C-alpha atoms as a PDB file:
ATOM      1  CA  MET A   1      95.378 156.818  90.241  1.00  0.00           C
ATOM      2  CA  PRO A   2      93.139 156.030  87.246  1.00  0.00           C
ATOM      3  CA  PRO A   3      89.361 156.542  87.419  1.00  0.00           C
ATOM      4  CA  PRO A   4      87.073 153.482  87.496  1.00  0.00           C
ATOM      5  CA  GLN A   5      87.346 151.214  84.476  1.00  0.00           C
ATOM      6  CA  PRO A   6      86.624 147.524  83.800  1.00  0.00           C
ATOM      7  CA  ARG A   7      90.289 146.625  84.131  1.00  0.00           C
ATOM      8  CA  LEU A   8      90.311 147.637  87.807  1.00  0.00           C
ATOM      9  CA  ALA A   9      87.354 145.362  88.499  1.00  0.00           C
ATOM     10  CA  LEU A  10      89.169 142.450  86.805  1.00  0.00           C
ATOM     11  CA  GLU A  11      92.310 143.105  88.829  1.00  0.00           C
ATOM     12  CA  THR A  12      90.200 143.078  92.000  1.00  0.00           C
ATOM     13  CA  LEU A  13      88.863 139.651  91.032  1.00  0.00           C
ATOM     14  CA  ASP A  14      92.438 138.487  90.457  1.00  0.00           C
ATOM     15  CA  GLN A  15      93.491 139.583  93.908  1.00  0.00           C
ATOM     16  CA  PHE A  16      90.427 138.226  95.654  1.00  0.00           C
ATOM     17  CA  ILE A  17      90.467 134.810  93.967  1.00  0.00           C
ATOM     18  CA  LEU A  18      94.189 134.267  93.313  1.00  0.00           C
ATOM     19  CA  GLY A  19      95.870 136.655  95.716  1.00  0.00           C
ATOM     20  CA  ALA A  20      97.780 138.449  92.943  1.00  0.00           C
ATOM     21  CA  GLU A  21      97.137 140.780  90.012  1.00  0.00           C
ATOM     22  CA  GLN A  22      97.916 138.612  87.001  1.00  0.00           C
ATOM     23  CA  ARG A  23      99.130 141.292  84.612  1.00  0.00           C
ATOM     24  CA  GLY A  24     100.742 139.664  81.618  1.00  0.00           C
ATOM     25  CA  TRP A  25      98.764 136.407  81.636  1.00  0.00           C
ATOM     26  CA  PRO A  26      98.001 135.062  78.151  1.00  0.00           C
ATOM     27  CA  VAL A  27      94.769 136.588  76.885  1.00  0.00           C
ATOM     28  CA  PRO A  28      93.095 133.191  76.104  1.00  0.00           C
ATOM     29  CA  LEU A  29      93.664 132.118  79.704  1.00  0.00           C
ATOM     30  CA  VAL A  30      92.126 135.343  80.993  1.00  0.00           C
ATOM     31  CA  LEU A  31      89.145 134.927  78.663  1.00  0.00           C
ATOM     32  CA  VAL A  32      88.483 131.527  80.256  1.00  0.00           C
ATOM     33  CA  PHE A  33      89.268 132.345  83.877  1.00  0.00           C
ATOM     34  CA  ILE A  34      87.429 135.642  84.311  1.00  0.00           C
ATOM     35  CA  PRO A  35      84.075 134.551  82.795  1.00  0.00           C
ATOM     36  CA  SER A  36      84.219 131.343  84.854  1.00  0.00           C
ATOM     37  CA  ILE A  37      84.678 133.271  88.103  1.00  0.00           C
ATOM     38  CA  VAL A  38      81.946 135.741  87.166  1.00  0.00           C
ATOM     39  CA  ALA A  39      79.599 132.839  86.380  1.00  0.00           C
ATOM     40  CA  LEU A  40      80.336 131.257  89.770  1.00  0.00           C
ATOM     41  CA  LEU A  41      79.687 134.566  91.533  1.00  0.00           C
ATOM     42  CA  LEU A  42      76.371 135.018  89.725  1.00  0.00           C
ATOM     43  CA  LEU A  43      75.408 131.477  90.645  1.00  0.00           C
ATOM     44  CA  GLY A  44      76.332 132.285  94.234  1.00  0.00           C
ATOM     45  CA  VAL A  45      74.096 135.377  94.153  1.00  0.00           C
ATOM     46  CA  TYR A  46      71.213 133.263  92.893  1.00  0.00           C
ATOM     47  CA  ARG A  47      71.762 130.607  95.561  1.00  0.00           C
ATOM     48  CA  ALA A  48      72.035 133.256  98.301  1.00  0.00           C
ATOM     49  CA  TRP A  49      68.790 134.810  97.082  1.00  0.00           C
ATOM     50  CA  GLN A  50      67.060 131.429  97.225  1.00  0.00           C
ATOM     51  CA  ALA A  51      68.312 130.885 100.773  1.00  0.00           C
ATOM     52  CA  GLY A  52      67.341 134.366 101.917  1.00  0.00           C
ATOM     53  CA  ARG A  53      70.920 135.466 102.576  1.00  0.00           C
ATOM     54  CA  LEU A  54      71.351 137.850  99.665  1.00  0.00           C
ATOM     55  CA  SER A  55      70.476 141.010 101.619  1.00  0.00           C
ATOM     56  CA  PHE A  56      73.355 140.430 104.029  1.00  0.00           C
ATOM     57  CA  VAL A  57      75.857 139.893 101.210  1.00  0.00           C
ATOM     58  CA  LEU A  58      74.702 142.963  99.289  1.00  0.00           C
ATOM     59  CA  LEU A  59      74.719 145.264 102.313  1.00  0.00           C
ATOM     60  CA  SER A  60      78.092 144.062 103.600  1.00  0.00           C
ATOM     61  CA  THR A  61      79.850 143.700 100.252  1.00  0.00           C
ATOM     62  CA  GLY A  62      78.076 144.976  97.153  1.00  0.00           C
ATOM     63  CA  LEU A  63      76.769 148.337  98.357  1.00  0.00           C
ATOM     64  CA  PRO A  64      80.031 149.667  99.892  1.00  0.00           C
ATOM     65  CA  VAL A  65      82.028 148.638  96.803  1.00  0.00           C
ATOM     66  CA  LEU A  66      79.469 150.327  94.546  1.00  0.00           C
ATOM     67  CA  VAL A  67      79.683 153.540  96.588  1.00  0.00           C
ATOM     68  CA  ILE A  68      83.499 153.606  96.307  1.00  0.00           C
ATOM     69  CA  TRP A  69      83.267 152.909  92.551  1.00  0.00           C
ATOM     70  CA  VAL A  70      80.816 155.761  91.963  1.00  0.00           C
ATOM     71  CA  VAL A  71      82.722 158.246  94.145  1.00  0.00           C
ATOM     72  CA  SER A  72      85.892 157.429  92.197  1.00  0.00           C
ATOM     73  CA  TYR A  73      84.468 159.084  89.083  1.00  0.00           C
ATOM     74  CA  TRP A  74      84.920 162.409  90.881  1.00  0.00           C
ATOM     75  CA  SER A  75      87.788 161.561  93.227  1.00  0.00           C
ATOM     76  CA  PRO A  76      89.636 158.367  92.162  1.00  0.00           C
ATOM     77  CA  ILE A  77      90.107 156.198  95.229  1.00  0.00           C
ATOM     78  CA  TYR A  78      89.240 152.726  93.884  1.00  0.00           C
ATOM     79  CA  LEU A  79      91.990 150.165  94.393  1.00  0.00           C
ATOM     80  CA  SER A  80      91.760 146.468  95.166  1.00  0.00           C
ATOM     81  CA  ARG A  81      93.145 146.977  98.659  1.00  0.00           C
ATOM     82  CA  HIS A  82      90.557 149.680  99.367  1.00  0.00           C
ATOM     83  CA  VAL A  83      87.746 147.154  98.912  1.00  0.00           C
ATOM     84  CA  ALA A  84      89.432 144.237 100.683  1.00  0.00           C
ATOM     85  CA  PHE A  85      86.585 144.269 103.198  1.00  0.00           C
ATOM     86  CA  ALA A  86      84.433 142.701 100.454  1.00  0.00           C
ATOM     87  CA  LEU A  87      86.541 139.531 100.330  1.00  0.00           C
ATOM     88  CA  PRO A  88      84.478 137.589 102.921  1.00  0.00           C
ATOM     89  CA  GLY A  89      81.325 138.266 100.906  1.00  0.00           C
ATOM     90  CA  VAL A  90      83.006 137.044  97.720  1.00  0.00           C
ATOM     91  CA  VAL A  91      84.108 133.872  99.514  1.00  0.00           C
ATOM     92  CA  LEU A  92      80.538 133.308 100.744  1.00  0.00           C
ATOM     93  CA  LEU A  93      79.193 133.648  97.200  1.00  0.00           C
ATOM     94  CA  LEU A  94      81.743 131.159  95.869  1.00  0.00           C
ATOM     95  CA  MET A  95      80.815 128.743  98.659  1.00  0.00           C
ATOM     96  CA  GLU A  96      77.153 129.111  97.782  1.00  0.00           C
ATOM     97  CA  ALA A  97      77.973 128.363  94.155  1.00  0.00           C
ATOM     98  CA  ALA A  98      80.124 125.337  95.014  1.00  0.00           C
ATOM     99  CA  LEU A  99      77.346 123.810  97.139  1.00  0.00           C
ATOM    100  CA  SER A 100      75.071 123.680  94.109  1.00  0.00           C
ATOM    101  CA  PHE A 101      77.279 121.056  92.398  1.00  0.00           C
ATOM    102  CA  ARG A 102      77.706 117.361  93.033  1.00  0.00           C
ATOM    103  CA  PRO A 103      80.478 116.486  95.512  1.00  0.00           C
ATOM    104  CA  MET A 104      82.899 115.319  92.810  1.00  0.00           C
ATOM    105  CA  LEU A 105      82.519 118.443  90.658  1.00  0.00           C
ATOM    106  CA  ARG A 106      82.574 120.598  93.775  1.00  0.00           C
ATOM    107  CA  SER A 107      85.932 119.075  94.721  1.00  0.00           C
ATOM    108  CA  VAL A 108      87.292 119.679  91.222  1.00  0.00           C
ATOM    109  CA  ILE A 109      86.305 123.359  91.340  1.00  0.00           C
ATOM    110  CA  ILE A 110      87.938 123.837  94.736  1.00  0.00           C
ATOM    111  CA  VAL A 111      91.138 122.084  93.637  1.00  0.00           C
ATOM    112  CA  VAL A 112      91.340 124.194  90.456  1.00  0.00           C
ATOM    113  CA  LEU A 113      90.907 127.443  92.413  1.00  0.00           C
ATOM    114  CA  VAL A 114      93.526 126.434  94.986  1.00  0.00           C
ATOM    115  CA  GLU A 115      95.999 125.350  92.297  1.00  0.00           C
ATOM    116  CA  ALA A 116      95.426 128.575  90.343  1.00  0.00           C
ATOM    117  CA  ALA A 117      96.091 130.600  93.487  1.00  0.00           C
ATOM    118  CA  LEU A 118      99.330 128.696  94.178  1.00  0.00           C
ATOM    119  CA  VAL A 119     100.520 129.230  90.608  1.00  0.00           C
ATOM    120  CA  ALA A 120      99.563 132.900  90.741  1.00  0.00           C
ATOM    121  CA  GLN A 121     101.499 133.410  93.957  1.00  0.00           C
ATOM    122  CA  ALA A 122     104.583 131.685  92.557  1.00  0.00           C
ATOM    123  CA  MET A 123     104.635 133.299  89.100  1.00  0.00           C
ATOM    124  CA  PRO A 124     105.870 136.801  89.992  1.00  0.00           C
ATOM    125  CA  LEU A 125     108.750 135.399  92.072  1.00  0.00           C
ATOM    126  CA  ALA A 126     109.696 132.828  89.453  1.00  0.00           C
ATOM    127  CA  ASP A 127     109.569 135.337  86.611  1.00  0.00           C
ATOM    128  CA  GLN A 128     111.305 138.244  88.251  1.00  0.00           C
ATOM    129  CA  GLY A 129     113.899 136.647  90.465  1.00  0.00           C
ATOM    130  CA  ASN A 130     115.245 139.159  92.957  1.00  0.00           C
ATOM    131  CA  ALA A 131     113.283 142.318  93.602  1.00  0.00           C
ATOM    132  CA  ILE A 132     114.239 145.276  91.412  1.00  0.00           C
ATOM    133  CA  PRO A 133     116.901 147.338  93.282  1.00  0.00           C
ATOM    134  CA  TRP A 134     115.194 150.682  92.844  1.00  0.00           C
ATOM    135  CA  SER A 135     117.781 152.543  94.941  1.00  0.00           C
ATOM    136  CA  ARG A 136     120.539 151.516  92.533  1.00  0.00           C
ATOM    137  CA  VAL A 137     118.337 152.235  89.520  1.00  0.00           C
ATOM    138  CA  ALA A 138     117.525 155.718  90.815  1.00  0.00           C
ATOM    139  CA  GLN A 139     121.185 156.480  91.539  1.00  0.00           C
ATOM    140  CA  TRP A 140     122.231 155.348  88.062  1.00  0.00           C
ATOM    141  CA  MET A 141     119.527 157.426  86.389  1.00  0.00           C
ATOM    142  CA  ALA A 142     120.436 160.485  88.464  1.00  0.00           C
ATOM    143  CA  SER A 143     124.003 160.236  87.182  1.00  0.00           C
ATOM    144  CA  GLU A 144     123.020 159.799  83.533  1.00  0.00           C
ATOM    145  CA  VAL A 145     119.957 161.924  82.737  1.00  0.00           C
ATOM    146  CA  ARG A 146     119.827 165.600  81.993  1.00  0.00           C
ATOM    147  CA  SER A 147     117.219 168.009  83.245  1.00  0.00           C
ATOM    148  CA  GLY A 148     114.114 167.775  81.051  1.00  0.00           C
ATOM    149  CA  ASP A 149     114.812 164.283  79.706  1.00  0.00           C
ATOM    150  CA  VAL A 150     111.828 161.974  79.145  1.00  0.00           C
ATOM    151  CA  ALA A 151     111.584 158.762  81.162  1.00  0.00           C
ATOM    152  CA  VAL A 152     108.970 156.153  80.218  1.00  0.00           C
ATOM    153  CA  PHE A 153     108.043 153.358  82.630  1.00  0.00           C
ATOM    154  CA  SER A 154     106.854 149.984  81.401  1.00  0.00           C
ATOM    155  CA  PRO A 155     104.731 148.716  83.001  1.00  0.00           C
ATOM    156  CA  PRO A 156     103.446 152.060  84.287  1.00  0.00           C
ATOM    157  CA  PHE A 157     103.216 151.132  87.966  1.00  0.00           C
ATOM    158  CA  ALA A 158     107.035 150.960  88.072  1.00  0.00           C
ATOM    159  CA  GLN A 159     107.028 154.760  88.146  1.00  0.00           C
ATOM    160  CA  ALA A 160     105.756 154.824  91.729  1.00  0.00           C
ATOM    161  CA  ALA A 161     108.654 152.723  93.049  1.00  0.00           C
ATOM    162  CA  PHE A 162     111.172 154.790  91.097  1.00  0.00           C
ATOM    163  CA  GLU A 163     109.908 158.142  92.357  1.00  0.00           C
ATOM    164  CA  ILE A 164     110.293 157.084  95.990  1.00  0.00           C
ATOM    165  CA  LYS A 165     114.034 156.567  95.487  1.00  0.00           C
ATOM    166  CA  TYR A 166     114.871 159.148  92.813  1.00  0.00           C
ATOM    167  CA  ASN A 167     116.670 162.354  93.781  1.00  0.00           C
ATOM    168  CA  GLY A 168     118.231 163.651  90.604  1.00  0.00           C
ATOM    169  CA  PRO A 169     117.669 166.155  87.790  1.00  0.00           C
ATOM    170  CA  PRO A 170     113.967 166.736  87.054  1.00  0.00           C
ATOM    171  CA  VAL A 171     112.701 164.535  84.241  1.00  0.00           C
ATOM    172  CA  GLU A 172     109.414 164.356  82.344  1.00  0.00           C
ATOM    173  CA  GLU A 173     107.872 161.033  83.374  1.00  0.00           C
ATOM    174  CA  TYR A 174     105.260 158.899  81.610  1.00  0.00           C
ATOM    175  CA  GLY A 175     103.822 155.978  83.531  1.00  0.00           C
ATOM    176  CA  ILE A 176     101.095 155.493  86.081  1.00  0.00           C
ATOM    177  CA  GLY A 177      99.734 159.000  85.502  1.00  0.00           C
ATOM    178  CA  GLU A 178      98.944 158.051  81.899  1.00  0.00           C
ATOM    179  CA  TYR A 179      97.595 154.581  82.737  1.00  0.00           C
ATOM    180  CA  GLU A 180      93.992 155.471  81.995  1.00  0.00           C
ATOM    181  CA  THR A 181      94.858 156.735  78.505  1.00  0.00           C
ATOM    182  CA  TYR A 182      96.080 153.409  77.165  1.00  0.00           C
ATOM    183  CA  ALA A 183      95.358 150.564  79.620  1.00  0.00           C
ATOM    184  CA  CYS A 184      92.035 149.702  77.991  1.00  0.00           C
ATOM    185  CA  GLN A 185      93.251 149.831  74.404  1.00  0.00           C
ATOM    186  CA  PRO A 186      92.956 146.483  72.572  1.00  0.00           C
ATOM    187  CA  ASP A 187      96.708 146.176  72.024  1.00  0.00           C
ATOM    188  CA  ALA A 188      97.639 146.923  75.644  1.00  0.00           C
ATOM    189  CA  VAL A 189      98.035 143.424  77.088  1.00  0.00           C
ATOM    190  CA  LEU A 190      96.535 143.695  80.574  1.00  0.00           C
ATOM    191  CA  GLY A 191      98.086 147.132  81.061  1.00  0.00           C
ATOM    192  CA  VAL A 192     101.649 145.763  80.907  1.00  0.00           C
ATOM    193  CA  HIS A 193     102.804 146.618  77.386  1.00  0.00           C
ATOM    194  CA  ILE A 194     102.657 150.142  75.967  1.00  0.00           C
ATOM    195  CA  PRO A 195     101.036 150.285  72.499  1.00  0.00           C
ATOM    196  CA  LEU A 196     103.103 151.756  69.679  1.00  0.00           C
ATOM    197  CA  GLY A 197     100.568 154.520  69.068  1.00  0.00           C
ATOM    198  CA  THR A 198     100.768 155.584  72.705  1.00  0.00           C
ATOM    199  CA  ILE A 199     104.555 155.756  72.888  1.00  0.00           C
ATOM    200  CA  ARG A 200     104.578 157.746  69.645  1.00  0.00           C
ATOM    201  CA  GLU A 201     102.163 160.239  71.170  1.00  0.00           C
ATOM    202  CA  TRP A 202     104.275 160.632  74.292  1.00  0.00           C
ATOM    203  CA  VAL A 203     107.581 161.276  72.482  1.00  0.00           C
ATOM    204  CA  ARG A 204     106.328 162.859  69.250  1.00  0.00           C
ATOM    205  CA  ASN A 205     108.387 166.043  69.796  1.00  0.00           C
ATOM    206  CA  ARG A 206     111.438 164.370  71.277  1.00  0.00           C
ATOM    207  CA  ALA A 207     114.742 163.332  69.718  1.00  0.00           C
ATOM    208  CA  GLU A 208     115.419 160.780  72.448  1.00  0.00           C
ATOM    209  CA  PHE A 209     113.947 159.248  75.594  1.00  0.00           C
ATOM    210  CA  TRP A 210     114.710 156.736  78.325  1.00  0.00           C
ATOM    211  CA  LEU A 211     112.765 153.517  78.821  1.00  0.00           C
ATOM    212  CA  LEU A 212     112.765 151.689  82.159  1.00  0.00           C
ATOM    213  CA  GLU A 213     111.324 148.286  81.282  1.00  0.00           C
ATOM    214  CA  ASP A 214     110.467 145.306  83.471  1.00  0.00           C
ATOM    215  CA  ALA A 215     112.454 142.362  82.136  1.00  0.00           C
ATOM    216  CA  ARG A 216     109.413 140.082  82.374  1.00  0.00           C
ATOM    217  CA  TRP A 217     107.368 142.075  79.870  1.00  0.00           C
ATOM    218  CA  PRO A 218     109.521 143.513  77.057  1.00  0.00           C
ATOM    219  CA  ASN A 219     107.790 145.746  74.540  1.00  0.00           C
ATOM    220  CA  ASP A 220     108.010 144.916  70.849  1.00  0.00           C
ATOM    221  CA  TRP A 221     107.494 148.057  68.780  1.00  0.00           C
ATOM    222  CA  GLY A 222     109.092 146.563  65.671  1.00  0.00           C
ATOM    223  CA  ASP A 223     110.929 148.741  63.163  1.00  0.00           C
ATOM    224  CA  TRP A 224     109.892 152.303  63.987  1.00  0.00           C
ATOM    225  CA  GLU A 225     111.396 155.782  63.956  1.00  0.00           C
ATOM    226  CA  PHE A 226     113.543 155.285  67.080  1.00  0.00           C
ATOM    227  CA  GLN A 227     116.550 153.046  67.569  1.00  0.00           C
ATOM    228  CA  GLU A 228     117.313 151.548  70.956  1.00  0.00           C
ATOM    229  CA  ALA A 229     120.503 151.125  72.931  1.00  0.00           C
ATOM    230  CA  LEU A 230     120.693 149.081  76.115  1.00  0.00           C
ATOM    231  CA  ARG A 231     122.391 151.340  78.632  1.00  0.00           C
ATOM    232  CA  ALA A 232     122.067 149.420  81.899  1.00  0.00           C
ATOM    233  CA  GLU A 233     120.689 146.175  83.267  1.00  0.00           C
ATOM    234  CA  PHE A 234     119.604 145.444  86.827  1.00  0.00           C
ATOM    235  CA  PRO A 235     117.913 142.384  88.345  1.00  0.00           C
ATOM    236  CA  GLY A 236     114.438 142.396  86.803  1.00  0.00           C
ATOM    237  CA  LEU A 237     114.905 145.709  84.931  1.00  0.00           C
ATOM    238  CA  ARG A 238     116.519 146.999  81.747  1.00  0.00           C
ATOM    239  CA  ILE A 239     117.173 150.645  80.928  1.00  0.00           C
ATOM    240  CA  TYR A 240     117.206 151.671  77.269  1.00  0.00           C
ATOM    241  CA  GLN A 241     117.985 154.980  75.617  1.00  0.00           C
ATOM    242  CA  TYR A 242     116.051 155.584  72.415  1.00  0.00           C
ATOM    243  CA  SER A 243     117.249 158.017  69.750  1.00  0.00           C
ATOM    244  CA  ARG A 244     115.273 159.170  66.715  1.00  0.00           C
ATOM    245  CA  ARG A 245     116.639 157.819  63.443  1.00  0.00           C
ATOM    246  CA  GLN A 246     118.144 160.360  61.094  1.00  0.00           C
END
């Protein structure tokens, strides 16, 4: 689990407002959505302060989340689901903000938030189709890899699902454990794609490696020192074997 970083706070906002972590959204859309939500929350804080309700919101929502965030610098425990208790406070702040607008604009804001949530809930299912059959993936990998092979997971959180099902030769895995080292780099799009510099660092002493890649978010490393070969394809997942060019 990565230590606290701005990306985790943004993902928490995604889950609270939309009900889903929107990894892979176009960056311009994120740059509009996130500041708008933050502005509404700040307006809600101001309105709650004017009405004398801010102390309740801070004590029930802000302070516990802050404690978990600070503790996570020593023992990482911050995840969106660990601070789900703060959701009612966030809803109250958004309601306070909405009440400061005229009825027509207030209705528009509510409709936009509801529509965004519906789209966010539908996108993962529409993009991925059937759930990735991790049992079949793990069985196939167990029959193909050799002890000591390198397996890279893209996006990194796929590693957790794989490890639950995998019972084969020991492999050197790169994924969620390395999330903090690249997720905040400018060319890592919302933590989904692995930057070229990062993958080079991971496999710098290797002649080949395996890549387990979510079909929704293919990496594009261009013409580099490895050549790829598609070895297997499952619903929602492709498995590549990369070999260093001679």
